[in-house]
Amino acid sequence: MNQFIQKLHSRHLESSTSFPDKEMACKFIDGFFEFLFIPDQLTRLSEFELVKKFEKYKTSLATLVYDVVADAAITEEQVKLFFEQVPIIYDALHRDAAEILKFDPAAESIEEVLVAYPGFYASAVYRFSHQLWKQGVKILPRLFSECAHSKTGIDIHPGAQIGESFFIDHGTGIVIGETSIIGNRVKIYQGVTLGALSVSKEVAKTKRHPTIEDDVIIYSGATILGGDTVIGHDSVIGGNVWLTNSLLPNSIVYHKSEVSIKDKNNFSDVLNFVI
């Protein structure tokens, strides 16, 4: 045991990367989301109080960023850049929410989307994480994404590029890889994978994930793979489709399966499953 502890200690000393606190990261992204989109119904904050709370989130993010970059000047610049983009991201997220309200018959109000839709929450965390990713902040964007993944079952890499009015319905089991490019007004249902054909490290710096052009609908269980795969605009991808090749615009692709229905009374030995 002593040898193992010594080995563990040596590995800790050799680590060249600082890690932000995961619990603090999740607390920040959850709190910031609620601050922006879910106002406290019991305590209506004044503008002055909103400013004070906004500044607290700046301080919290600075702590997390500093844990990664270990430089006060770089931390200050990164936090400044991030919060300069927050109003733009906020407007983009309201367009996402409006798209959900417009096309989901079950959504009765924008407030319902903001409070109760896991797809909207995952999109919000993605957009904030993507901003930090573009700024070159390491690890922290992945932590934020993992917080959303753990909470919603939706796994969006912060490096993915996603356009405006993005609509995730239900969402559980969605995977969107790092080099995916998604256009405007794209709708994705549960269980969809935008993945890579190869997981080799040799292709890590290449485009490994598909491009989805504007106004595409991808139904549940579809898998689209490959960096050269382009799904043309206004296409519809049916449920359980497996695609590794490009499609022209306005394509419809569907998976055809056969389901047999028979009267069990015509069989002498009915199957008996025990689980």
C-alpha atoms as a PDB file:
ATOM      1  CA  MET A   1       0.000   0.000   0.000  1.00  0.00           C
ATOM      2  CA  ASN A   2       2.865   2.381   0.818  1.00  0.00           C
ATOM      3  CA  GLN A   3       4.326   1.832  -2.656  1.00  0.00           C
ATOM      4  CA  PHE A   4       0.962   2.613  -4.239  1.00  0.00           C
ATOM      5  CA  ILE A   5       0.577   5.829  -2.215  1.00  0.00           C
ATOM      6  CA  GLN A   6       4.095   6.879  -3.249  1.00  0.00           C
ATOM      7  CA  LYS A   7       3.260   6.162  -6.883  1.00  0.00           C
ATOM      8  CA  LEU A   8       0.011   8.104  -6.579  1.00  0.00           C
ATOM      9  CA  HIS A   9       1.825  11.030  -4.977  1.00  0.00           C
ATOM     10  CA  SER A  10       4.391  11.075  -7.781  1.00  0.00           C
ATOM     11  CA  ARG A  11       1.632  11.097 -10.429  1.00  0.00           C
ATOM     12  CA  HIS A  12      -0.057  14.016  -8.672  1.00  0.00           C
ATOM     13  CA  LEU A  13       3.211  15.960  -8.646  1.00  0.00           C
ATOM     14  CA  GLU A  14       3.834  15.186 -12.329  1.00  0.00           C
ATOM     15  CA  SER A  15       0.431  16.512 -13.418  1.00  0.00           C
ATOM     16  CA  SER A  16       0.937  19.671 -15.472  1.00  0.00           C
ATOM     17  CA  THR A  17      -2.747  20.579 -15.566  1.00  0.00           C
ATOM     18  CA  SER A  18      -4.815  22.308 -12.932  1.00  0.00           C
ATOM     19  CA  PHE A  19      -8.383  21.119 -12.546  1.00  0.00           C
ATOM     20  CA  PRO A  20     -11.335  23.314 -11.627  1.00  0.00           C
ATOM     21  CA  ASP A  21     -13.667  22.065  -8.922  1.00  0.00           C
ATOM     22  CA  LYS A  22     -16.367  19.977 -10.672  1.00  0.00           C
ATOM     23  CA  GLU A  23     -19.007  20.607  -8.024  1.00  0.00           C
ATOM     24  CA  MET A  24     -18.347  24.350  -8.183  1.00  0.00           C
ATOM     25  CA  ALA A  25     -18.505  24.250 -12.002  1.00  0.00           C
ATOM     26  CA  CYS A  26     -21.929  22.569 -11.979  1.00  0.00           C
ATOM     27  CA  LYS A  27     -23.173  24.933  -9.292  1.00  0.00           C
ATOM     28  CA  PHE A  28     -22.035  27.912 -11.371  1.00  0.00           C
ATOM     29  CA  ILE A  29     -23.621  26.815 -14.644  1.00  0.00           C
ATOM     30  CA  ASP A  30     -26.884  25.789 -12.949  1.00  0.00           C
ATOM     31  CA  GLY A  31     -27.062  29.027 -10.998  1.00  0.00           C
ATOM     32  CA  PHE A  32     -26.177  31.205 -13.977  1.00  0.00           C
ATOM     33  CA  PHE A  33     -28.829  29.489 -16.114  1.00  0.00           C
ATOM     34  CA  GLU A  34     -31.479  30.095 -13.456  1.00  0.00           C
ATOM     35  CA  PHE A  35     -30.316  33.681 -12.946  1.00  0.00           C
ATOM     36  CA  LEU A  36     -30.816  34.405 -16.659  1.00  0.00           C
ATOM     37  CA  PHE A  37     -33.966  32.428 -17.381  1.00  0.00           C
ATOM     38  CA  ILE A  38     -35.842  31.524 -14.187  1.00  0.00           C
ATOM     39  CA  PRO A  39     -36.452  34.597 -12.003  1.00  0.00           C
ATOM     40  CA  ASP A  40     -37.394  33.975  -8.387  1.00  0.00           C
ATOM     41  CA  GLN A  41     -41.156  34.417  -8.133  1.00  0.00           C
ATOM     42  CA  LEU A  42     -40.949  35.350  -4.449  1.00  0.00           C
ATOM     43  CA  THR A  43     -38.103  37.874  -4.654  1.00  0.00           C
ATOM     44  CA  ARG A  44     -38.167  40.304  -7.552  1.00  0.00           C
ATOM     45  CA  LEU A  45     -34.690  41.796  -7.678  1.00  0.00           C
ATOM     46  CA  SER A  46     -34.131  45.455  -8.454  1.00  0.00           C
ATOM     47  CA  GLU A  47     -31.747  46.431 -11.243  1.00  0.00           C
ATOM     48  CA  PHE A  48     -29.125  47.275  -8.616  1.00  0.00           C
ATOM     49  CA  GLU A  49     -29.513  43.835  -7.027  1.00  0.00           C
ATOM     50  CA  LEU A  50     -29.291  42.189 -10.449  1.00  0.00           C
ATOM     51  CA  VAL A  51     -26.004  43.989 -11.096  1.00  0.00           C
ATOM     52  CA  LYS A  52     -24.621  42.784  -7.767  1.00  0.00           C
ATOM     53  CA  LYS A  53     -25.629  39.211  -8.485  1.00  0.00           C
ATOM     54  CA  PHE A  54     -24.221  39.443 -12.005  1.00  0.00           C
ATOM     55  CA  GLU A  55     -20.879  40.548 -10.543  1.00  0.00           C
ATOM     56  CA  LYS A  56     -20.915  37.556  -8.194  1.00  0.00           C
ATOM     57  CA  TYR A  57     -21.177  35.238 -11.188  1.00  0.00           C
ATOM     58  CA  LYS A  58     -18.210  37.006 -12.753  1.00  0.00           C
ATOM     59  CA  THR A  59     -16.214  36.318  -9.602  1.00  0.00           C
ATOM     60  CA  SER A  60     -17.302  32.676  -9.532  1.00  0.00           C
ATOM     61  CA  LEU A  61     -16.300  32.146 -13.158  1.00  0.00           C
ATOM     62  CA  ALA A  62     -12.982  33.880 -12.530  1.00  0.00           C
ATOM     63  CA  THR A  63     -12.232  31.372  -9.769  1.00  0.00           C
ATOM     64  CA  LEU A  64     -12.943  28.466 -12.109  1.00  0.00           C
ATOM     65  CA  VAL A  65     -10.946  29.924 -15.000  1.00  0.00           C
ATOM     66  CA  TYR A  66      -7.996  30.742 -12.742  1.00  0.00           C
ATOM     67  CA  ASP A  67      -7.878  27.105 -11.642  1.00  0.00           C
ATOM     68  CA  VAL A  68      -7.179  26.245 -15.283  1.00  0.00           C
ATOM     69  CA  VAL A  69      -4.931  29.070 -16.517  1.00  0.00           C
ATOM     70  CA  ALA A  70      -3.199  29.954 -13.212  1.00  0.00           C
ATOM     71  CA  ASP A  71      -2.631  33.535 -14.381  1.00  0.00           C
ATOM     72  CA  ALA A  72      -4.530  36.531 -13.005  1.00  0.00           C
ATOM     73  CA  ALA A  73      -4.208  38.716 -16.115  1.00  0.00           C
ATOM     74  CA  ILE A  74      -5.307  35.939 -18.478  1.00  0.00           C
ATOM     75  CA  THR A  75      -8.185  35.072 -16.151  1.00  0.00           C
ATOM     76  CA  GLU A  76      -9.404  38.669 -16.111  1.00  0.00           C
ATOM     77  CA  GLU A  77      -9.277  38.893 -19.903  1.00  0.00           C
ATOM     78  CA  GLN A  78     -11.055  35.558 -20.412  1.00  0.00           C
ATOM     79  CA  VAL A  79     -13.859  36.439 -18.002  1.00  0.00           C
ATOM     80  CA  LYS A  80     -14.240  39.879 -19.607  1.00  0.00           C
ATOM     81  CA  LEU A  81     -14.506  38.332 -23.081  1.00  0.00           C
ATOM     82  CA  PHE A  82     -17.048  35.771 -21.901  1.00  0.00           C
ATOM     83  CA  PHE A  83     -19.381  38.245 -20.227  1.00  0.00           C
ATOM     84  CA  GLU A  84     -19.199  40.598 -23.207  1.00  0.00           C
ATOM     85  CA  GLN A  85     -20.769  37.777 -25.234  1.00  0.00           C
ATOM     86  CA  VAL A  86     -23.442  36.875 -22.683  1.00  0.00           C
ATOM     87  CA  PRO A  87     -26.089  39.293 -24.109  1.00  0.00           C
ATOM     88  CA  ILE A  88     -25.574  37.806 -27.598  1.00  0.00           C
ATOM     89  CA  ILE A  89     -25.813  34.234 -26.266  1.00  0.00           C
ATOM     90  CA  TYR A  90     -28.884  35.185 -24.230  1.00  0.00           C
ATOM     91  CA  ASP A  91     -30.679  36.430 -27.363  1.00  0.00           C
ATOM     92  CA  ALA A  92     -29.646  33.300 -29.290  1.00  0.00           C
ATOM     93  CA  LEU A  93     -31.072  31.099 -26.539  1.00  0.00           C
ATOM     94  CA  HIS A  94     -34.371  32.953 -26.602  1.00  0.00           C
ATOM     95  CA  ARG A  95     -34.539  32.165 -30.326  1.00  0.00           C
ATOM     96  CA  ASP A  96     -33.929  28.501 -29.454  1.00  0.00           C
ATOM     97  CA  ALA A  97     -36.762  28.638 -26.918  1.00  0.00           C
ATOM     98  CA  ALA A  98     -39.087  30.342 -29.408  1.00  0.00           C
ATOM     99  CA  GLU A  99     -38.390  27.566 -31.941  1.00  0.00           C
ATOM    100  CA  ILE A 100     -39.351  24.926 -29.376  1.00  0.00           C
ATOM    101  CA  LEU A 101     -42.564  26.760 -28.524  1.00  0.00           C
ATOM    102  CA  LYS A 102     -43.400  27.156 -32.204  1.00  0.00           C
ATOM    103  CA  PHE A 103     -42.987  23.526 -33.220  1.00  0.00           C
ATOM    104  CA  ASP A 104     -43.708  21.432 -30.118  1.00  0.00           C
ATOM    105  CA  PRO A 105     -47.492  20.998 -29.689  1.00  0.00           C
ATOM    106  CA  ALA A 106     -46.941  20.095 -26.031  1.00  0.00           C
ATOM    107  CA  ALA A 107     -45.307  23.438 -25.196  1.00  0.00           C
ATOM    108  CA  GLU A 108     -47.886  25.915 -23.935  1.00  0.00           C
ATOM    109  CA  SER A 109     -45.683  28.903 -23.069  1.00  0.00           C
ATOM    110  CA  ILE A 110     -42.146  30.209 -23.341  1.00  0.00           C
ATOM    111  CA  GLU A 111     -41.904  29.967 -19.551  1.00  0.00           C
ATOM    112  CA  GLU A 112     -42.610  26.237 -19.737  1.00  0.00           C
ATOM    113  CA  VAL A 113     -39.762  25.812 -22.225  1.00  0.00           C
ATOM    114  CA  LEU A 114     -37.341  27.778 -20.058  1.00  0.00           C
ATOM    115  CA  VAL A 115     -38.199  25.917 -16.869  1.00  0.00           C
ATOM    116  CA  ALA A 116     -39.040  22.372 -17.937  1.00  0.00           C
ATOM    117  CA  TYR A 117     -37.331  21.460 -21.225  1.00  0.00           C
ATOM    118  CA  PRO A 118     -34.054  19.518 -20.854  1.00  0.00           C
ATOM    119  CA  GLY A 119     -33.208  20.211 -24.494  1.00  0.00           C
ATOM    120  CA  PHE A 120     -33.256  23.944 -23.870  1.00  0.00           C
ATOM    121  CA  TYR A 121     -31.088  23.587 -20.771  1.00  0.00           C
ATOM    122  CA  ALA A 122     -28.576  21.467 -22.706  1.00  0.00           C
ATOM    123  CA  SER A 123     -28.537  24.031 -25.537  1.00  0.00           C
ATOM    124  CA  ALA A 124     -27.911  26.830 -23.038  1.00  0.00           C
ATOM    125  CA  VAL A 125     -25.008  25.037 -21.386  1.00  0.00           C
ATOM    126  CA  TYR A 126     -23.619  24.211 -24.838  1.00  0.00           C
ATOM    127  CA  ARG A 127     -23.713  27.851 -25.967  1.00  0.00           C
ATOM    128  CA  PHE A 128     -21.945  29.099 -22.836  1.00  0.00           C
ATOM    129  CA  SER A 129     -19.403  26.265 -23.028  1.00  0.00           C
ATOM    130  CA  HIS A 130     -18.804  26.887 -26.726  1.00  0.00           C
ATOM    131  CA  GLN A 131     -17.931  30.514 -26.023  1.00  0.00           C
ATOM    132  CA  LEU A 132     -15.244  29.475 -23.537  1.00  0.00           C
ATOM    133  CA  TRP A 133     -14.070  26.809 -25.998  1.00  0.00           C
ATOM    134  CA  LYS A 134     -13.630  29.461 -28.707  1.00  0.00           C
ATOM    135  CA  GLN A 135     -11.648  31.563 -26.247  1.00  0.00           C
ATOM    136  CA  GLY A 136      -9.237  28.682 -25.753  1.00  0.00           C
ATOM    137  CA  VAL A 137     -10.112  27.884 -22.139  1.00  0.00           C
ATOM    138  CA  LYS A 138      -9.247  24.240 -21.515  1.00  0.00           C
ATOM    139  CA  ILE A 139     -11.150  21.607 -19.504  1.00  0.00           C
ATOM    140  CA  LEU A 140     -13.766  23.966 -18.005  1.00  0.00           C
ATOM    141  CA  PRO A 141     -16.067  23.922 -21.082  1.00  0.00           C
ATOM    142  CA  ARG A 142     -15.960  20.117 -20.994  1.00  0.00           C
ATOM    143  CA  LEU A 143     -16.881  20.186 -17.316  1.00  0.00           C
ATOM    144  CA  PHE A 144     -19.886  22.391 -18.030  1.00  0.00           C
ATOM    145  CA  SER A 145     -20.948  20.043 -20.847  1.00  0.00           C
ATOM    146  CA  GLU A 146     -20.632  17.058 -18.549  1.00  0.00           C
ATOM    147  CA  CYS A 147     -22.821  18.792 -15.965  1.00  0.00           C
ATOM    148  CA  ALA A 148     -25.550  19.111 -18.599  1.00  0.00           C
ATOM    149  CA  HIS A 149     -24.910  15.565 -19.838  1.00  0.00           C
ATOM    150  CA  SER A 150     -25.315  14.139 -16.333  1.00  0.00           C
ATOM    151  CA  LYS A 151     -28.501  16.125 -15.802  1.00  0.00           C
ATOM    152  CA  THR A 152     -30.238  15.612 -19.162  1.00  0.00           C
ATOM    153  CA  GLY A 153     -28.617  12.662 -20.931  1.00  0.00           C
ATOM    154  CA  ILE A 154     -27.693  15.019 -23.793  1.00  0.00           C
ATOM    155  CA  ASP A 155     -23.987  15.037 -24.677  1.00  0.00           C
ATOM    156  CA  ILE A 156     -22.946  18.043 -26.785  1.00  0.00           C
ATOM    157  CA  HIS A 157     -19.229  18.659 -27.184  1.00  0.00           C
ATOM    158  CA  PRO A 158     -18.458  22.375 -26.660  1.00  0.00           C
ATOM    159  CA  GLY A 159     -16.390  22.381 -29.850  1.00  0.00           C
ATOM    160  CA  ALA A 160     -19.417  21.659 -32.049  1.00  0.00           C
ATOM    161  CA  GLN A 161     -20.744  24.533 -34.161  1.00  0.00           C
ATOM    162  CA  ILE A 162     -24.512  24.966 -33.883  1.00  0.00           C
ATOM    163  CA  GLY A 163     -26.548  27.634 -35.659  1.00  0.00           C
ATOM    164  CA  GLU A 164     -29.592  29.598 -34.539  1.00  0.00           C
ATOM    165  CA  SER A 165     -33.065  28.388 -33.526  1.00  0.00           C
ATOM    166  CA  PHE A 166     -31.834  24.939 -32.504  1.00  0.00           C
ATOM    167  CA  PHE A 167     -34.575  22.551 -31.359  1.00  0.00           C
ATOM    168  CA  ILE A 168     -33.904  19.469 -29.241  1.00  0.00           C
ATOM    169  CA  ASP A 169     -37.070  17.493 -28.467  1.00  0.00           C
ATOM    170  CA  HIS A 170     -37.019  15.060 -25.520  1.00  0.00           C
ATOM    171  CA  GLY A 171     -33.269  14.769 -25.963  1.00  0.00           C
ATOM    172  CA  THR A 172     -32.213  11.767 -23.898  1.00  0.00           C
ATOM    173  CA  GLY A 173     -29.354   9.894 -25.559  1.00  0.00           C
ATOM    174  CA  ILE A 174     -28.349  12.604 -28.046  1.00  0.00           C
ATOM    175  CA  VAL A 175     -24.608  12.730 -28.830  1.00  0.00           C
ATOM    176  CA  ILE A 176     -23.122  15.578 -30.881  1.00  0.00           C
ATOM    177  CA  GLY A 177     -19.397  15.254 -31.546  1.00  0.00           C
ATOM    178  CA  GLU A 178     -16.676  17.887 -31.390  1.00  0.00           C
ATOM    179  CA  THR A 179     -16.375  18.734 -35.087  1.00  0.00           C
ATOM    180  CA  SER A 180     -20.080  18.577 -35.934  1.00  0.00           C
ATOM    181  CA  ILE A 181     -21.451  21.570 -37.831  1.00  0.00           C
ATOM    182  CA  ILE A 182     -25.187  22.208 -37.509  1.00  0.00           C
ATOM    183  CA  GLY A 183     -27.002  24.931 -39.428  1.00  0.00           C
ATOM    184  CA  ASN A 184     -30.007  27.059 -38.532  1.00  0.00           C
ATOM    185  CA  ARG A 185     -33.459  25.784 -37.552  1.00  0.00           C
ATOM    186  CA  VAL A 186     -32.316  22.173 -37.186  1.00  0.00           C
ATOM    187  CA  LYS A 187     -34.526  19.833 -35.134  1.00  0.00           C
ATOM    188  CA  ILE A 188     -33.112  16.773 -33.388  1.00  0.00           C
ATOM    189  CA  TYR A 189     -35.022  14.125 -31.455  1.00  0.00           C
ATOM    190  CA  GLN A 190     -33.935  11.711 -28.738  1.00  0.00           C
ATOM    191  CA  GLY A 191     -31.281   9.084 -29.347  1.00  0.00           C
ATOM    192  CA  VAL A 192     -29.618  10.817 -32.303  1.00  0.00           C
ATOM    193  CA  THR A 193     -25.851  10.427 -32.759  1.00  0.00           C
ATOM    194  CA  LEU A 194     -23.690  12.757 -34.836  1.00  0.00           C
ATOM    195  CA  GLY A 195     -20.486  10.787 -34.568  1.00  0.00           C
ATOM    196  CA  ALA A 196     -17.174   9.848 -36.133  1.00  0.00           C
ATOM    197  CA  LEU A 197     -16.370   6.873 -38.343  1.00  0.00           C
ATOM    198  CA  SER A 198     -12.970   6.472 -36.708  1.00  0.00           C
ATOM    199  CA  VAL A 199     -11.839   7.010 -33.137  1.00  0.00           C
ATOM    200  CA  SER A 200      -8.144   6.877 -33.983  1.00  0.00           C
ATOM    201  CA  LYS A 201      -5.984   9.539 -32.311  1.00  0.00           C
ATOM    202  CA  GLU A 202      -4.255  10.127 -35.654  1.00  0.00           C
ATOM    203  CA  VAL A 203      -7.388  11.892 -36.937  1.00  0.00           C
ATOM    204  CA  ALA A 204      -8.062  13.874 -33.765  1.00  0.00           C
ATOM    205  CA  LYS A 205      -7.317  17.222 -35.416  1.00  0.00           C
ATOM    206  CA  THR A 206      -9.394  16.592 -38.530  1.00  0.00           C
ATOM    207  CA  LYS A 207     -13.119  17.042 -39.137  1.00  0.00           C
ATOM    208  CA  ARG A 208     -14.524  13.742 -37.903  1.00  0.00           C
ATOM    209  CA  HIS A 209     -18.233  14.498 -37.473  1.00  0.00           C
ATOM    210  CA  PRO A 210     -20.997  15.320 -39.963  1.00  0.00           C
ATOM    211  CA  THR A 211     -22.311  18.623 -41.272  1.00  0.00           C
ATOM    212  CA  ILE A 212     -26.060  19.211 -40.996  1.00  0.00           C
ATOM    213  CA  GLU A 213     -27.313  22.058 -43.172  1.00  0.00           C
ATOM    214  CA  ASP A 214     -30.245  24.409 -42.463  1.00  0.00           C
ATOM    215  CA  ASP A 215     -33.816  23.233 -41.761  1.00  0.00           C
ATOM    216  CA  VAL A 216     -33.003  19.543 -41.373  1.00  0.00           C
ATOM    217  CA  ILE A 217     -35.106  17.274 -39.128  1.00  0.00           C
ATOM    218  CA  ILE A 218     -33.451  14.201 -37.585  1.00  0.00           C
ATOM    219  CA  TYR A 219     -35.851  11.784 -35.899  1.00  0.00           C
ATOM    220  CA  SER A 220     -35.184   9.545 -32.932  1.00  0.00           C
ATOM    221  CA  GLY A 221     -32.518   6.873 -33.024  1.00  0.00           C
ATOM    222  CA  ALA A 222     -30.809   8.093 -36.214  1.00  0.00           C
ATOM    223  CA  THR A 223     -27.028   7.755 -36.459  1.00  0.00           C
ATOM    224  CA  ILE A 224     -25.040   9.957 -38.845  1.00  0.00           C
ATOM    225  CA  LEU A 225     -21.297   9.410 -39.009  1.00  0.00           C
ATOM    226  CA  GLY A 226     -18.221  10.847 -40.690  1.00  0.00           C
ATOM    227  CA  GLY A 227     -16.531  14.171 -41.259  1.00  0.00           C
ATOM    228  CA  ASP A 228     -17.228  14.093 -44.997  1.00  0.00           C
ATOM    229  CA  THR A 229     -20.928  13.396 -44.498  1.00  0.00           C
ATOM    230  CA  VAL A 230     -23.097  16.395 -45.390  1.00  0.00           C
ATOM    231  CA  ILE A 231     -26.871  16.327 -44.929  1.00  0.00           C
ATOM    232  CA  GLY A 232     -28.326  18.817 -47.413  1.00  0.00           C
ATOM    233  CA  HIS A 233     -30.724  21.526 -46.302  1.00  0.00           C
ATOM    234  CA  ASP A 234     -34.437  20.809 -45.820  1.00  0.00           C
ATOM    235  CA  SER A 235     -33.848  17.065 -45.570  1.00  0.00           C
ATOM    236  CA  VAL A 236     -35.713  14.699 -43.247  1.00  0.00           C
ATOM    237  CA  ILE A 237     -33.891  11.784 -41.614  1.00  0.00           C
ATOM    238  CA  GLY A 238     -36.272   9.143 -40.298  1.00  0.00           C
ATOM    239  CA  GLY A 239     -35.986   7.192 -37.065  1.00  0.00           C
ATOM    240  CA  ASN A 240     -33.286   4.507 -36.716  1.00  0.00           C
ATOM    241  CA  VAL A 241     -31.569   5.478 -39.975  1.00  0.00           C
ATOM    242  CA  TRP A 242     -27.810   4.763 -40.196  1.00  0.00           C
ATOM    243  CA  LEU A 243     -25.967   7.136 -42.555  1.00  0.00           C
ATOM    244  CA  THR A 244     -22.317   7.411 -43.538  1.00  0.00           C
ATOM    245  CA  ASN A 245     -22.790   9.171 -46.874  1.00  0.00           C
ATOM    246  CA  SER A 246     -23.905  12.660 -47.902  1.00  0.00           C
ATOM    247  CA  LEU A 247     -27.427  13.594 -48.995  1.00  0.00           C
ATOM    248  CA  LEU A 248     -28.629  16.158 -51.498  1.00  0.00           C
ATOM    249  CA  PRO A 249     -30.894  18.956 -50.244  1.00  0.00           C
ATOM    250  CA  ASN A 250     -34.592  18.094 -49.797  1.00  0.00           C
ATOM    251  CA  SER A 251     -33.882  14.387 -49.303  1.00  0.00           C
ATOM    252  CA  ILE A 252     -36.066  12.057 -47.267  1.00  0.00           C
ATOM    253  CA  VAL A 253     -34.405   8.990 -45.760  1.00  0.00           C
ATOM    254  CA  TYR A 254     -36.237   6.374 -43.744  1.00  0.00           C
ATOM    255  CA  HIS A 255     -35.585   2.953 -42.314  1.00  0.00           C
ATOM    256  CA  LYS A 256     -38.107   0.304 -43.373  1.00  0.00           C
ATOM    257  CA  SER A 257     -38.666  -2.615 -41.041  1.00  0.00           C
ATOM    258  CA  GLU A 258     -41.276  -5.337 -41.003  1.00  0.00           C
ATOM    259  CA  VAL A 259     -43.455  -6.091 -38.008  1.00  0.00           C
ATOM    260  CA  SER A 260     -45.457  -9.321 -38.059  1.00  0.00           C
ATOM    261  CA  ILE A 261     -48.705  -9.550 -36.075  1.00  0.00           C
ATOM    262  CA  LYS A 262     -50.236 -12.964 -35.537  1.00  0.00           C
ATOM    263  CA  ASP A 263     -52.886 -14.517 -33.345  1.00  0.00           C
ATOM    264  CA  LYS A 264     -51.091 -16.376 -30.557  1.00  0.00           C
ATOM    265  CA  ASN A 265     -54.024 -18.789 -30.244  1.00  0.00           C
ATOM    266  CA  ASN A 266     -52.961 -20.399 -33.522  1.00  0.00           C
ATOM    267  CA  PHE A 267     -49.674 -21.532 -31.972  1.00  0.00           C
ATOM    268  CA  SER A 268     -49.498 -24.643 -29.810  1.00  0.00           C
ATOM    269  CA  ASP A 269     -46.422 -23.439 -27.896  1.00  0.00           C
ATOM    270  CA  VAL A 270     -46.658 -19.782 -27.050  1.00  0.00           C
ATOM    271  CA  LEU A 271     -43.313 -18.234 -26.164  1.00  0.00           C
ATOM    272  CA  ASN A 272     -42.983 -17.714 -22.448  1.00  0.00           C
ATOM    273  CA  PHE A 273     -40.380 -15.162 -21.420  1.00  0.00           C
ATOM    274  CA  VAL A 274     -39.137 -15.041 -17.854  1.00  0.00           C
ATOM    275  CA  ILE A 275     -37.013 -12.063 -16.836  1.00  0.00           C
END
